Amino acid sequence: MPQTAVVLFAHGARSPEWSAPLHALQEAMRARGLHAELAFLELQPPSLSEVLDALAPDHVTVQVLPVFWAEAGHVRNELPAMLAAARARHPGVRFTQLPTLSQVPGLMALLADFVAGQPGRSER
């Protein structure tokens, strides 16, 4: 039985093209041997509860990575409530919430280095 799964949890959008980068991230994680799934808050299936319920029978730990830039209403209020409900439905599974993108160690420096290295940027 696989021990750990990762759920990439994003807002969702009406346009299916919007989620293409999320599918690419999912595939990059899978290429590294991770069991990665996608879930959406609204506008696109599957919902987070559907994915968590599907993963629970075969996993000990499910980590949810909020693919949101910053911790605000959806991540601060709605996501913990969704995870609490999943814990109540599946008491034998450890559901954890990972940090938002802006809280990932090293990401700010990576982005700053990327921008600093772009040709044609103007100096102040």
PDB file of N, CA and C in Angstrom:
ATOM      1  N   MET A   1       0.845  -1.180   0.000  1.00  0.00           N
ATOM      2  CA  MET A   1       0.000   0.000   0.000  1.00  0.00           C
ATOM      3  C   MET A   1       0.887   1.239   0.000  1.00  0.00           C
ATOM      4  N   PRO A   2       0.641   2.202  -0.933  1.00  0.00           N
ATOM      5  CA  PRO A   2       1.400   3.449  -0.909  1.00  0.00           C
ATOM      6  C   PRO A   2       1.181   4.167   0.423  1.00  0.00           C
ATOM      7  N   GLN A   3       2.224   4.727   0.945  1.00  0.00           N
ATOM      8  CA  GLN A   3       2.149   5.360   2.256  1.00  0.00           C
ATOM      9  C   GLN A   3       1.695   6.814   2.201  1.00  0.00           C
ATOM     10  N   THR A   4       2.204   7.570   1.232  1.00  0.00           N
ATOM     11  CA  THR A   4       1.947   9.006   1.199  1.00  0.00           C
ATOM     12  C   THR A   4       1.496   9.442  -0.187  1.00  0.00           C
ATOM     13  N   ALA A   5       0.528  10.347  -0.208  1.00  0.00           N
ATOM     14  CA  ALA A   5       0.087  10.976  -1.449  1.00  0.00           C
ATOM     15  C   ALA A   5       0.130  12.485  -1.245  1.00  0.00           C
ATOM     16  N   VAL A   6       0.259  13.205  -2.350  1.00  0.00           N
ATOM     17  CA  VAL A   6       0.249  14.663  -2.337  1.00  0.00           C
ATOM     18  C   VAL A   6      -0.910  15.120  -3.210  1.00  0.00           C
ATOM     19  N   VAL A   7      -1.678  16.066  -2.695  1.00  0.00           N
ATOM     20  CA  VAL A   7      -2.775  16.648  -3.466  1.00  0.00           C
ATOM     21  C   VAL A   7      -2.440  18.103  -3.750  1.00  0.00           C
ATOM     22  N   LEU A   8      -2.372  18.445  -5.020  1.00  0.00           N
ATOM     23  CA  LEU A   8      -2.192  19.830  -5.435  1.00  0.00           C
ATOM     24  C   LEU A   8      -3.578  20.456  -5.433  1.00  0.00           C
ATOM     25  N   PHE A   9      -3.816  21.368  -4.506  1.00  0.00           N
ATOM     26  CA  PHE A   9      -5.130  21.958  -4.320  1.00  0.00           C
ATOM     27  C   PHE A   9      -5.128  23.393  -4.822  1.00  0.00           C
ATOM     28  N   ALA A  10      -5.934  23.663  -5.858  1.00  0.00           N
ATOM     29  CA  ALA A  10      -5.974  24.988  -6.472  1.00  0.00           C
ATOM     30  C   ALA A  10      -7.413  25.498  -6.521  1.00  0.00           C
ATOM     31  N   HIS A  11      -7.550  26.761  -6.881  1.00  0.00           N
ATOM     32  CA  HIS A  11      -8.866  27.391  -6.886  1.00  0.00           C
ATOM     33  C   HIS A  11      -9.788  26.792  -7.939  1.00  0.00           C
ATOM     34  N   GLY A  12      -9.307  26.667  -9.160  1.00  0.00           N
ATOM     35  CA  GLY A  12     -10.149  26.230 -10.269  1.00  0.00           C
ATOM     36  C   GLY A  12     -10.579  27.430 -11.094  1.00  0.00           C
ATOM     37  N   ALA A  13     -10.918  27.170 -12.355  1.00  0.00           N
ATOM     38  CA  ALA A  13     -11.344  28.232 -13.271  1.00  0.00           C
ATOM     39  C   ALA A  13     -12.285  27.643 -14.312  1.00  0.00           C
ATOM     40  N   ARG A  14     -13.001  28.505 -14.989  1.00  0.00           N
ATOM     41  CA  ARG A  14     -13.936  28.027 -16.018  1.00  0.00           C
ATOM     42  C   ARG A  14     -13.202  27.470 -17.235  1.00  0.00           C
ATOM     43  N   SER A  15     -12.046  28.028 -17.528  1.00  0.00           N
ATOM     44  CA  SER A  15     -11.279  27.600 -18.695  1.00  0.00           C
ATOM     45  C   SER A  15     -10.417  26.391 -18.356  1.00  0.00           C
ATOM     46  N   PRO A  16     -10.572  25.292 -19.088  1.00  0.00           N
ATOM     47  CA  PRO A  16      -9.744  24.117 -18.810  1.00  0.00           C
ATOM     48  C   PRO A  16      -8.251  24.365 -19.053  1.00  0.00           C
ATOM     49  N   GLU A  17      -7.913  25.328 -19.921  1.00  0.00           N
ATOM     50  CA  GLU A  17      -6.507  25.629 -20.181  1.00  0.00           C
ATOM     51  C   GLU A  17      -5.820  26.192 -18.936  1.00  0.00           C
ATOM     52  N   TRP A  18      -6.588  26.799 -18.042  1.00  0.00           N
ATOM     53  CA  TRP A  18      -6.032  27.388 -16.827  1.00  0.00           C
ATOM     54  C   TRP A  18      -5.257  26.356 -16.008  1.00  0.00           C
ATOM     55  N   SER A  19      -5.725  25.114 -16.007  1.00  0.00           N
ATOM     56  CA  SER A  19      -5.097  24.104 -15.153  1.00  0.00           C
ATOM     57  C   SER A  19      -3.924  23.378 -15.816  1.00  0.00           C
ATOM     58  N   ALA A  20      -3.560  23.750 -17.033  1.00  0.00           N
ATOM     59  CA  ALA A  20      -2.437  23.086 -17.709  1.00  0.00           C
ATOM     60  C   ALA A  20      -1.144  23.132 -16.885  1.00  0.00           C
ATOM     61  N   PRO A  21      -0.760  24.267 -16.291  1.00  0.00           N
ATOM     62  CA  PRO A  21       0.458  24.267 -15.468  1.00  0.00           C
ATOM     63  C   PRO A  21       0.344  23.350 -14.249  1.00  0.00           C
ATOM     64  N   LEU A  22      -0.850  23.191 -13.714  1.00  0.00           N
ATOM     65  CA  LEU A  22      -1.038  22.289 -12.577  1.00  0.00           C
ATOM     66  C   LEU A  22      -0.838  20.836 -12.996  1.00  0.00           C
ATOM     67  N   HIS A  23      -1.312  20.500 -14.175  1.00  0.00           N
ATOM     68  CA  HIS A  23      -1.082  19.144 -14.689  1.00  0.00           C
ATOM     69  C   HIS A  23       0.409  18.911 -14.928  1.00  0.00           C
ATOM     70  N   ALA A  24       1.117  19.945 -15.403  1.00  0.00           N
ATOM     71  CA  ALA A  24       2.564  19.828 -15.609  1.00  0.00           C
ATOM     72  C   ALA A  24       3.275  19.634 -14.262  1.00  0.00           C
ATOM     73  N   LEU A  25       2.851  20.353 -13.229  1.00  0.00           N
ATOM     74  CA  LEU A  25       3.431  20.175 -11.905  1.00  0.00           C
ATOM     75  C   LEU A  25       3.136  18.777 -11.366  1.00  0.00           C
ATOM     76  N   GLN A  26       1.933  18.310 -11.578  1.00  0.00           N
ATOM     77  CA  GLN A  26       1.565  16.953 -11.165  1.00  0.00           C
ATOM     78  C   GLN A  26       2.478  15.924 -11.846  1.00  0.00           C
ATOM     79  N   GLU A  27       2.696  16.078 -13.128  1.00  0.00           N
ATOM     80  CA  GLU A  27       3.561  15.140 -13.851  1.00  0.00           C
ATOM     81  C   GLU A  27       5.012  15.235 -13.379  1.00  0.00           C
ATOM     82  N   ALA A  28       5.487  16.439 -13.071  1.00  0.00           N
ATOM     83  CA  ALA A  28       6.850  16.597 -12.546  1.00  0.00           C
ATOM     84  C   ALA A  28       6.989  15.882 -11.205  1.00  0.00           C
ATOM     85  N   MET A  29       5.972  15.963 -10.383  1.00  0.00           N
ATOM     86  CA  MET A  29       6.007  15.264  -9.087  1.00  0.00           C
ATOM     87  C   MET A  29       5.966  13.755  -9.288  1.00  0.00           C
ATOM     88  N   ARG A  30       5.145  13.311 -10.194  1.00  0.00           N
ATOM     89  CA  ARG A  30       5.059  11.874 -10.474  1.00  0.00           C
ATOM     90  C   ARG A  30       6.383  11.347 -11.025  1.00  0.00           C
ATOM     91  N   ALA A  31       7.069  12.168 -11.826  1.00  0.00           N
ATOM     92  CA  ALA A  31       8.373  11.768 -12.369  1.00  0.00           C
ATOM     93  C   ALA A  31       9.402  11.587 -11.261  1.00  0.00           C
ATOM     94  N   ARG A  32       9.154  12.189 -10.114  1.00  0.00           N
ATOM     95  CA  ARG A  32      10.037  12.051  -8.951  1.00  0.00           C
ATOM     96  C   ARG A  32       9.555  10.971  -7.990  1.00  0.00           C
ATOM     97  N   GLY A  33       8.605  10.176  -8.449  1.00  0.00           N
ATOM     98  CA  GLY A  33       8.141   9.048  -7.654  1.00  0.00           C
ATOM     99  C   GLY A  33       7.054   9.372  -6.649  1.00  0.00           C
ATOM    100  N   LEU A  34       6.502  10.577  -6.702  1.00  0.00           N
ATOM    101  CA  LEU A  34       5.437  10.955  -5.782  1.00  0.00           C
ATOM    102  C   LEU A  34       4.073  10.572  -6.341  1.00  0.00           C
ATOM    103  N   HIS A  35       3.181  10.173  -5.463  1.00  0.00           N
ATOM    104  CA  HIS A  35       1.793   9.957  -5.868  1.00  0.00           C
ATOM    105  C   HIS A  35       1.102  11.308  -5.748  1.00  0.00           C
ATOM    106  N   ALA A  36       0.895  11.988  -6.861  1.00  0.00           N
ATOM    107  CA  ALA A  36       0.337  13.340  -6.867  1.00  0.00           C
ATOM    108  C   ALA A  36      -0.998  13.361  -7.593  1.00  0.00           C
ATOM    109  N   GLU A  37      -1.965  14.042  -6.972  1.00  0.00           N
ATOM    110  CA  GLU A  37      -3.296  14.209  -7.548  1.00  0.00           C
ATOM    111  C   GLU A  37      -3.644  15.685  -7.549  1.00  0.00           C
ATOM    112  N   LEU A  38      -4.635  16.060  -8.366  1.00  0.00           N
ATOM    113  CA  LEU A  38      -5.131  17.429  -8.422  1.00  0.00           C
ATOM    114  C   LEU A  38      -6.517  17.494  -7.814  1.00  0.00           C
ATOM    115  N   ALA A  39      -6.822  18.629  -7.159  1.00  0.00           N
ATOM    116  CA  ALA A  39      -8.159  18.888  -6.636  1.00  0.00           C
ATOM    117  C   ALA A  39      -8.409  20.389  -6.711  1.00  0.00           C
ATOM    118  N   PHE A  40      -9.684  20.748  -6.829  1.00  0.00           N
ATOM    119  CA  PHE A  40     -10.037  22.149  -7.002  1.00  0.00           C
ATOM    120  C   PHE A  40     -11.100  22.582  -6.003  1.00  0.00           C
ATOM    121  N   LEU A  41     -11.025  23.858  -5.617  1.00  0.00           N
ATOM    122  CA  LEU A  41     -11.993  24.433  -4.703  1.00  0.00           C
ATOM    123  C   LEU A  41     -13.345  24.598  -5.388  1.00  0.00           C
ATOM    124  N   GLU A  42     -13.328  25.091  -6.613  1.00  0.00           N
ATOM    125  CA  GLU A  42     -14.579  25.302  -7.349  1.00  0.00           C
ATOM    126  C   GLU A  42     -14.304  25.374  -8.842  1.00  0.00           C
ATOM    127  N   LEU A  43     -15.354  25.336  -9.618  1.00  0.00           N
ATOM    128  CA  LEU A  43     -15.361  25.534 -11.065  1.00  0.00           C
ATOM    129  C   LEU A  43     -14.767  24.389 -11.878  1.00  0.00           C
ATOM    130  N   GLN A  44     -14.016  23.494 -11.279  1.00  0.00           N
ATOM    131  CA  GLN A  44     -13.426  22.362 -11.989  1.00  0.00           C
ATOM    132  C   GLN A  44     -13.486  21.139 -11.091  1.00  0.00           C
ATOM    133  N   PRO A  45     -13.722  19.982 -11.681  1.00  0.00           N
ATOM    134  CA  PRO A  45     -13.606  18.747 -10.896  1.00  0.00           C
ATOM    135  C   PRO A  45     -12.168  18.250 -10.947  1.00  0.00           C
ATOM    136  N   PRO A  46     -11.801  17.416 -10.007  1.00  0.00           N
ATOM    137  CA  PRO A  46     -12.556  16.920  -8.861  1.00  0.00           C
ATOM    138  C   PRO A  46     -12.412  17.859  -7.656  1.00  0.00           C
ATOM    139  N   SER A  47     -13.338  17.750  -6.725  1.00  0.00           N
ATOM    140  CA  SER A  47     -13.255  18.539  -5.505  1.00  0.00           C
ATOM    141  C   SER A  47     -12.223  17.926  -4.564  1.00  0.00           C
ATOM    142  N   LEU A  48     -11.803  18.706  -3.592  1.00  0.00           N
ATOM    143  CA  LEU A  48     -10.836  18.203  -2.621  1.00  0.00           C
ATOM    144  C   LEU A  48     -11.411  17.024  -1.842  1.00  0.00           C
ATOM    145  N   SER A  49     -12.659  17.125  -1.417  1.00  0.00           N
ATOM    146  CA  SER A  49     -13.238  16.021  -0.641  1.00  0.00           C
ATOM    147  C   SER A  49     -13.302  14.739  -1.463  1.00  0.00           C
ATOM    148  N   GLU A  50     -13.607  14.841  -2.759  1.00  0.00           N
ATOM    149  CA  GLU A  50     -13.629  13.649  -3.613  1.00  0.00           C
ATOM    150  C   GLU A  50     -12.254  12.994  -3.679  1.00  0.00           C
ATOM    151  N   VAL A  51     -11.210  13.803  -3.845  1.00  0.00           N
ATOM    152  CA  VAL A  51      -9.855  13.264  -3.962  1.00  0.00           C
ATOM    153  C   VAL A  51      -9.400  12.677  -2.629  1.00  0.00           C
ATOM    154  N   LEU A  52      -9.652  13.378  -1.529  1.00  0.00           N
ATOM    155  CA  LEU A  52      -9.238  12.859  -0.223  1.00  0.00           C
ATOM    156  C   LEU A  52      -9.944  11.550   0.096  1.00  0.00           C
ATOM    157  N   ASP A  53     -11.228  11.463  -0.214  1.00  0.00           N
ATOM    158  CA  ASP A  53     -11.966  10.226   0.029  1.00  0.00           C
ATOM    159  C   ASP A  53     -11.443   9.078  -0.835  1.00  0.00           C
ATOM    160  N   ALA A  54     -11.051   9.387  -2.066  1.00  0.00           N
ATOM    161  CA  ALA A  54     -10.522   8.347  -2.949  1.00  0.00           C
ATOM    162  C   ALA A  54      -9.142   7.864  -2.498  1.00  0.00           C
ATOM    163  N   LEU A  55      -8.328   8.754  -1.943  1.00  0.00           N
ATOM    164  CA  LEU A  55      -6.982   8.388  -1.510  1.00  0.00           C
ATOM    165  C   LEU A  55      -6.958   7.668  -0.165  1.00  0.00           C
ATOM    166  N   ALA A  56      -7.906   7.985   0.699  1.00  0.00           N
ATOM    167  CA  ALA A  56      -7.884   7.499   2.084  1.00  0.00           C
ATOM    168  C   ALA A  56      -7.744   5.990   2.237  1.00  0.00           C
ATOM    169  N   PRO A  57      -8.450   5.163   1.468  1.00  0.00           N
ATOM    170  CA  PRO A  57      -8.342   3.724   1.705  1.00  0.00           C
ATOM    171  C   PRO A  57      -6.948   3.140   1.481  1.00  0.00           C
ATOM    172  N   ASP A  58      -6.124   3.808   0.672  1.00  0.00           N
ATOM    173  CA  ASP A  58      -4.828   3.241   0.304  1.00  0.00           C
ATOM    174  C   ASP A  58      -3.622   4.020   0.808  1.00  0.00           C
ATOM    175  N   HIS A  59      -3.837   5.020   1.671  1.00  0.00           N
ATOM    176  CA  HIS A  59      -2.727   5.851   2.119  1.00  0.00           C
ATOM    177  C   HIS A  59      -2.774   6.092   3.621  1.00  0.00           C
ATOM    178  N   VAL A  60      -1.595   6.212   4.210  1.00  0.00           N
ATOM    179  CA  VAL A  60      -1.463   6.523   5.631  1.00  0.00           C
ATOM    180  C   VAL A  60      -1.423   8.033   5.827  1.00  0.00           C
ATOM    181  N   THR A  61      -0.777   8.739   4.896  1.00  0.00           N
ATOM    182  CA  THR A  61      -0.623  10.188   4.964  1.00  0.00           C
ATOM    183  C   THR A  61      -1.023  10.801   3.634  1.00  0.00           C
ATOM    184  N   VAL A  62      -1.763  11.894   3.708  1.00  0.00           N
ATOM    185  CA  VAL A  62      -2.101  12.675   2.521  1.00  0.00           C
ATOM    186  C   VAL A  62      -1.716  14.119   2.816  1.00  0.00           C
ATOM    187  N   GLN A  63      -0.780  14.638   2.034  1.00  0.00           N
ATOM    188  CA  GLN A  63      -0.328  16.020   2.177  1.00  0.00           C
ATOM    189  C   GLN A  63      -1.051  16.872   1.142  1.00  0.00           C
ATOM    190  N   VAL A  64      -1.582  17.998   1.570  1.00  0.00           N
ATOM    191  CA  VAL A  64      -2.273  18.905   0.655  1.00  0.00           C
ATOM    192  C   VAL A  64      -1.417  20.142   0.450  1.00  0.00           C
ATOM    193  N   LEU A  65      -0.990  20.354  -0.787  1.00  0.00           N
ATOM    194  CA  LEU A  65      -0.206  21.528  -1.144  1.00  0.00           C
ATOM    195  C   LEU A  65      -1.152  22.563  -1.745  1.00  0.00           C
ATOM    196  N   PRO A  66      -1.436  23.651  -1.004  1.00  0.00           N
ATOM    197  CA  PRO A  66      -2.295  24.688  -1.572  1.00  0.00           C
ATOM    198  C   PRO A  66      -1.523  25.459  -2.646  1.00  0.00           C
ATOM    199  N   VAL A  67      -1.948  25.313  -3.877  1.00  0.00           N
ATOM    200  CA  VAL A  67      -1.284  26.006  -4.977  1.00  0.00           C
ATOM    201  C   VAL A  67      -1.942  27.382  -5.107  1.00  0.00           C
ATOM    202  N   PHE A  68      -1.731  28.160  -4.052  1.00  0.00           N
ATOM    203  CA  PHE A  68      -2.184  29.540  -3.934  1.00  0.00           C
ATOM    204  C   PHE A  68      -0.938  30.348  -3.595  1.00  0.00           C
ATOM    205  N   TRP A  69      -0.865  31.592  -4.054  1.00  0.00           N
ATOM    206  CA  TRP A  69       0.326  32.376  -3.791  1.00  0.00           C
ATOM    207  C   TRP A  69       0.486  32.687  -2.306  1.00  0.00           C
ATOM    208  N   ALA A  70      -0.590  33.079  -1.639  1.00  0.00           N
ATOM    209  CA  ALA A  70      -0.482  33.489  -0.241  1.00  0.00           C
ATOM    210  C   ALA A  70      -1.606  32.873   0.582  1.00  0.00           C
ATOM    211  N   GLU A  71      -1.374  32.826   1.876  1.00  0.00           N
ATOM    212  CA  GLU A  71      -2.370  32.279   2.787  1.00  0.00           C
ATOM    213  C   GLU A  71      -3.412  33.354   3.079  1.00  0.00           C
ATOM    214  N   ALA A  72      -4.591  33.180   2.510  1.00  0.00           N
ATOM    215  CA  ALA A  72      -5.707  34.102   2.750  1.00  0.00           C
ATOM    216  C   ALA A  72      -6.949  33.257   3.019  1.00  0.00           C
ATOM    217  N   GLY A  73      -8.117  33.796   2.783  1.00  0.00           N
ATOM    218  CA  GLY A  73      -9.372  33.167   3.161  1.00  0.00           C
ATOM    219  C   GLY A  73      -9.526  31.705   2.809  1.00  0.00           C
ATOM    220  N   HIS A  74      -9.317  31.356   1.549  1.00  0.00           N
ATOM    221  CA  HIS A  74      -9.511  29.959   1.144  1.00  0.00           C
ATOM    222  C   HIS A  74      -8.565  29.023   1.890  1.00  0.00           C
ATOM    223  N   VAL A  75      -7.305  29.428   1.994  1.00  0.00           N
ATOM    224  CA  VAL A  75      -6.297  28.572   2.616  1.00  0.00           C
ATOM    225  C   VAL A  75      -6.375  28.640   4.144  1.00  0.00           C
ATOM    226  N   ARG A  76      -6.618  29.814   4.671  1.00  0.00           N
ATOM    227  CA  ARG A  76      -6.637  29.986   6.122  1.00  0.00           C
ATOM    228  C   ARG A  76      -7.923  29.462   6.757  1.00  0.00           C
ATOM    229  N   ASN A  77      -9.053  29.595   6.071  1.00  0.00           N
ATOM    230  CA  ASN A  77     -10.334  29.240   6.678  1.00  0.00           C
ATOM    231  C   ASN A  77     -10.971  27.982   6.094  1.00  0.00           C
ATOM    232  N   GLU A  78     -11.093  27.934   4.773  1.00  0.00           N
ATOM    233  CA  GLU A  78     -11.805  26.827   4.147  1.00  0.00           C
ATOM    234  C   GLU A  78     -11.007  25.522   4.145  1.00  0.00           C
ATOM    235  N   LEU A  79      -9.723  25.597   3.806  1.00  0.00           N
ATOM    236  CA  LEU A  79      -8.923  24.378   3.727  1.00  0.00           C
ATOM    237  C   LEU A  79      -8.830  23.646   5.067  1.00  0.00           C
ATOM    238  N   PRO A  80      -8.536  24.314   6.187  1.00  0.00           N
ATOM    239  CA  PRO A  80      -8.503  23.578   7.460  1.00  0.00           C
ATOM    240  C   PRO A  80      -9.837  22.900   7.785  1.00  0.00           C
ATOM    241  N   ALA A  81     -10.939  23.540   7.459  1.00  0.00           N
ATOM    242  CA  ALA A  81     -12.254  22.930   7.704  1.00  0.00           C
ATOM    243  C   ALA A  81     -12.453  21.693   6.838  1.00  0.00           C
ATOM    244  N   MET A  82     -12.001  21.761   5.593  1.00  0.00           N
ATOM    245  CA  MET A  82     -12.106  20.597   4.693  1.00  0.00           C
ATOM    246  C   MET A  82     -11.248  19.440   5.196  1.00  0.00           C
ATOM    247  N   LEU A  83     -10.057  19.757   5.694  1.00  0.00           N
ATOM    248  CA  LEU A  83      -9.186  18.704   6.220  1.00  0.00           C
ATOM    249  C   LEU A  83      -9.747  18.118   7.511  1.00  0.00           C
ATOM    250  N   ALA A  84     -10.347  18.950   8.341  1.00  0.00           N
ATOM    251  CA  ALA A  84     -10.974  18.446   9.569  1.00  0.00           C
ATOM    252  C   ALA A  84     -12.120  17.492   9.234  1.00  0.00           C
ATOM    253  N   ALA A  85     -12.897  17.826   8.229  1.00  0.00           N
ATOM    254  CA  ALA A  85     -13.991  16.944   7.808  1.00  0.00           C
ATOM    255  C   ALA A  85     -13.440  15.625   7.273  1.00  0.00           C
ATOM    256  N   ALA A  86     -12.344  15.675   6.525  1.00  0.00           N
ATOM    257  CA  ALA A  86     -11.726  14.447   6.005  1.00  0.00           C
ATOM    258  C   ALA A  86     -11.193  13.592   7.149  1.00  0.00           C
ATOM    259  N   ARG A  87     -10.600  14.229   8.160  1.00  0.00           N
ATOM    260  CA  ARG A  87     -10.105  13.483   9.327  1.00  0.00           C
ATOM    261  C   ARG A  87     -11.256  12.791  10.053  1.00  0.00           C
ATOM    262  N   ALA A  88     -12.394  13.445  10.120  1.00  0.00           N
ATOM    263  CA  ALA A  88     -13.563  12.835  10.776  1.00  0.00           C
ATOM    264  C   ALA A  88     -14.072  11.640   9.977  1.00  0.00           C
ATOM    265  N   ARG A  89     -14.027  11.736   8.655  1.00  0.00           N
ATOM    266  CA  ARG A  89     -14.481  10.626   7.800  1.00  0.00           C
ATOM    267  C   ARG A  89     -13.480   9.480   7.765  1.00  0.00           C
ATOM    268  N   HIS A  90     -12.183   9.802   7.912  1.00  0.00           N
ATOM    269  CA  HIS A  90     -11.105   8.811   7.758  1.00  0.00           C
ATOM    270  C   HIS A  90     -10.119   8.955   8.914  1.00  0.00           C
ATOM    271  N   PRO A  91     -10.490   8.527  10.121  1.00  0.00           N
ATOM    272  CA  PRO A  91      -9.638   8.753  11.293  1.00  0.00           C
ATOM    273  C   PRO A  91      -8.285   8.048  11.236  1.00  0.00           C
ATOM    274  N   GLY A  92      -8.116   7.077  10.383  1.00  0.00           N
ATOM    275  CA  GLY A  92      -6.838   6.378  10.301  1.00  0.00           C
ATOM    276  C   GLY A  92      -5.833   7.020   9.365  1.00  0.00           C
ATOM    277  N   VAL A  93      -6.215   8.122   8.723  1.00  0.00           N
ATOM    278  CA  VAL A  93      -5.341   8.786   7.754  1.00  0.00           C
ATOM    279  C   VAL A  93      -4.872  10.113   8.340  1.00  0.00           C
ATOM    280  N   ARG A  94      -3.602  10.414   8.135  1.00  0.00           N
ATOM    281  CA  ARG A  94      -3.036  11.695   8.581  1.00  0.00           C
ATOM    282  C   ARG A  94      -3.092  12.668   7.405  1.00  0.00           C
ATOM    283  N   PHE A  95      -3.974  13.655   7.502  1.00  0.00           N
ATOM    284  CA  PHE A  95      -4.096  14.694   6.484  1.00  0.00           C
ATOM    285  C   PHE A  95      -3.327  15.917   6.962  1.00  0.00           C
ATOM    286  N   THR A  96      -2.374  16.396   6.156  1.00  0.00           N
ATOM    287  CA  THR A  96      -1.569  17.550   6.542  1.00  0.00           C
ATOM    288  C   THR A  96      -1.659  18.634   5.478  1.00  0.00           C
ATOM    289  N   GLN A  97      -1.513  19.864   5.916  1.00  0.00           N
ATOM    290  CA  GLN A  97      -1.541  21.023   5.032  1.00  0.00           C
ATOM    291  C   GLN A  97      -0.132  21.564   4.893  1.00  0.00           C
ATOM    292  N   LEU A  98       0.371  21.614   3.682  1.00  0.00           N
ATOM    293  CA  LEU A  98       1.682  22.186   3.394  1.00  0.00           C
ATOM    294  C   LEU A  98       1.542  23.704   3.213  1.00  0.00           C
ATOM    295  N   PRO A  99       2.656  24.441   3.187  1.00  0.00           N
ATOM    296  CA  PRO A  99       2.569  25.898   3.048  1.00  0.00           C
ATOM    297  C   PRO A  99       2.133  26.330   1.651  1.00  0.00           C
ATOM    298  N   THR A 100       1.653  27.574   1.562  1.00  0.00           N
ATOM    299  CA  THR A 100       1.341  28.157   0.263  1.00  0.00           C
ATOM    300  C   THR A 100       2.642  28.428  -0.489  1.00  0.00           C
ATOM    301  N   LEU A 101       2.532  28.759  -1.754  1.00  0.00           N
ATOM    302  CA  LEU A 101       3.721  28.940  -2.588  1.00  0.00           C
ATOM    303  C   LEU A 101       4.665  30.009  -2.044  1.00  0.00           C
ATOM    304  N   SER A 102       4.137  31.141  -1.590  1.00  0.00           N
ATOM    305  CA  SER A 102       5.020  32.204  -1.102  1.00  0.00           C
ATOM    306  C   SER A 102       5.735  31.832   0.194  1.00  0.00           C
ATOM    307  N   GLN A 103       5.303  30.770   0.841  1.00  0.00           N
ATOM    308  CA  GLN A 103       5.931  30.323   2.086  1.00  0.00           C
ATOM    309  C   GLN A 103       6.936  29.193   1.861  1.00  0.00           C
ATOM    310  N   VAL A 104       7.071  28.724   0.627  1.00  0.00           N
ATOM    311  CA  VAL A 104       8.017  27.648   0.336  1.00  0.00           C
ATOM    312  C   VAL A 104       9.438  28.187   0.478  1.00  0.00           C
ATOM    313  N   PRO A 105      10.244  27.578   1.339  1.00  0.00           N
ATOM    314  CA  PRO A 105      11.611  28.067   1.545  1.00  0.00           C
ATOM    315  C   PRO A 105      12.389  28.150   0.227  1.00  0.00           C
ATOM    316  N   GLY A 106      13.014  29.292   0.001  1.00  0.00           N
ATOM    317  CA  GLY A 106      13.849  29.487  -1.171  1.00  0.00           C
ATOM    318  C   GLY A 106      13.121  29.986  -2.404  1.00  0.00           C
ATOM    319  N   LEU A 107      11.790  29.961  -2.416  1.00  0.00           N
ATOM    320  CA  LEU A 107      11.076  30.353  -3.633  1.00  0.00           C
ATOM    321  C   LEU A 107      11.211  31.845  -3.922  1.00  0.00           C
ATOM    322  N   MET A 108      11.162  32.679  -2.894  1.00  0.00           N
ATOM    323  CA  MET A 108      11.302  34.128  -3.111  1.00  0.00           C
ATOM    324  C   MET A 108      12.669  34.444  -3.722  1.00  0.00           C
ATOM    325  N   ALA A 109      13.713  33.835  -3.190  1.00  0.00           N
ATOM    326  CA  ALA A 109      15.057  34.063  -3.727  1.00  0.00           C
ATOM    327  C   ALA A 109      15.158  33.533  -5.155  1.00  0.00           C
ATOM    328  N   LEU A 110      14.554  32.385  -5.433  1.00  0.00           N
ATOM    329  CA  LEU A 110      14.561  31.828  -6.786  1.00  0.00           C
ATOM    330  C   LEU A 110      13.902  32.788  -7.766  1.00  0.00           C
ATOM    331  N   LEU A 111      12.753  33.338  -7.406  1.00  0.00           N
ATOM    332  CA  LEU A 111      12.061  34.277  -8.278  1.00  0.00           C
ATOM    333  C   LEU A 111      12.851  35.571  -8.445  1.00  0.00           C
ATOM    334  N   ALA A 112      13.433  36.079  -7.351  1.00  0.00           N
ATOM    335  CA  ALA A 112      14.240  37.297  -7.439  1.00  0.00           C
ATOM    336  C   ALA A 112      15.452  37.077  -8.343  1.00  0.00           C
ATOM    337  N   ASP A 113      16.102  35.921  -8.209  1.00  0.00           N
ATOM    338  CA  ASP A 113      17.247  35.607  -9.067  1.00  0.00           C
ATOM    339  C   ASP A 113      16.820  35.498 -10.531  1.00  0.00           C
ATOM    340  N   PHE A 114      15.670  34.907 -10.761  1.00  0.00           N
ATOM    341  CA  PHE A 114      15.152  34.781 -12.129  1.00  0.00           C
ATOM    342  C   PHE A 114      14.958  36.154 -12.754  1.00  0.00           C
ATOM    343  N   VAL A 115      14.279  37.044 -12.044  1.00  0.00           N
ATOM    344  CA  VAL A 115      14.010  38.385 -12.575  1.00  0.00           C
ATOM    345  C   VAL A 115      15.310  39.158 -12.753  1.00  0.00           C
ATOM    346  N   ALA A 116      16.209  39.060 -11.796  1.00  0.00           N
ATOM    347  CA  ALA A 116      17.484  39.774 -11.877  1.00  0.00           C
ATOM    348  C   ALA A 116      18.301  39.331 -13.078  1.00  0.00           C
ATOM    349  N   GLY A 117      18.126  38.097 -13.493  1.00  0.00           N
ATOM    350  CA  GLY A 117      18.891  37.566 -14.607  1.00  0.00           C
ATOM    351  C   GLY A 117      18.274  37.786 -15.978  1.00  0.00           C
ATOM    352  N   GLN A 118      17.132  38.464 -16.034  1.00  0.00           N
ATOM    353  CA  GLN A 118      16.452  38.680 -17.318  1.00  0.00           C
ATOM    354  C   GLN A 118      17.126  39.795 -18.097  1.00  0.00           C
ATOM    355  N   PRO A 119      17.378  39.566 -19.391  1.00  0.00           N
ATOM    356  CA  PRO A 119      17.983  40.620 -20.206  1.00  0.00           C
ATOM    357  C   PRO A 119      17.010  41.781 -20.403  1.00  0.00           C
ATOM    358  N   GLY A 120      17.582  42.972 -20.486  1.00  0.00           N
ATOM    359  CA  GLY A 120      16.762  44.157 -20.804  1.00  0.00           C
ATOM    360  C   GLY A 120      16.038  44.761 -19.616  1.00  0.00           C
ATOM    361  N   ARG A 121      16.273  44.235 -18.430  1.00  0.00           N
ATOM    362  CA  ARG A 121      15.591  44.864 -17.287  1.00  0.00           C
ATOM    363  C   ARG A 121      16.282  46.190 -17.016  1.00  0.00           C
ATOM    364  N   SER A 122      15.505  47.152 -16.602  1.00  0.00           N
ATOM    365  CA  SER A 122      16.086  48.472 -16.347  1.00  0.00           C
ATOM    366  C   SER A 122      16.556  48.585 -14.905  1.00  0.00           C
ATOM    367  N   GLU A 123      17.652  49.255 -14.708  1.00  0.00           N
ATOM    368  CA  GLU A 123      18.194  49.466 -13.368  1.00  0.00           C
ATOM    369  C   GLU A 123      17.560  50.704 -12.777  1.00  0.00           C
ATOM    370  N   ARG A 124      17.373  50.696 -11.482  1.00  0.00           N
ATOM    371  CA  ARG A 124      16.872  51.907 -10.800  1.00  0.00           C
ATOM    372  C   ARG A 124      18.013  52.625 -10.159  1.00  0.00           C
TER     373      ARG A 124
END
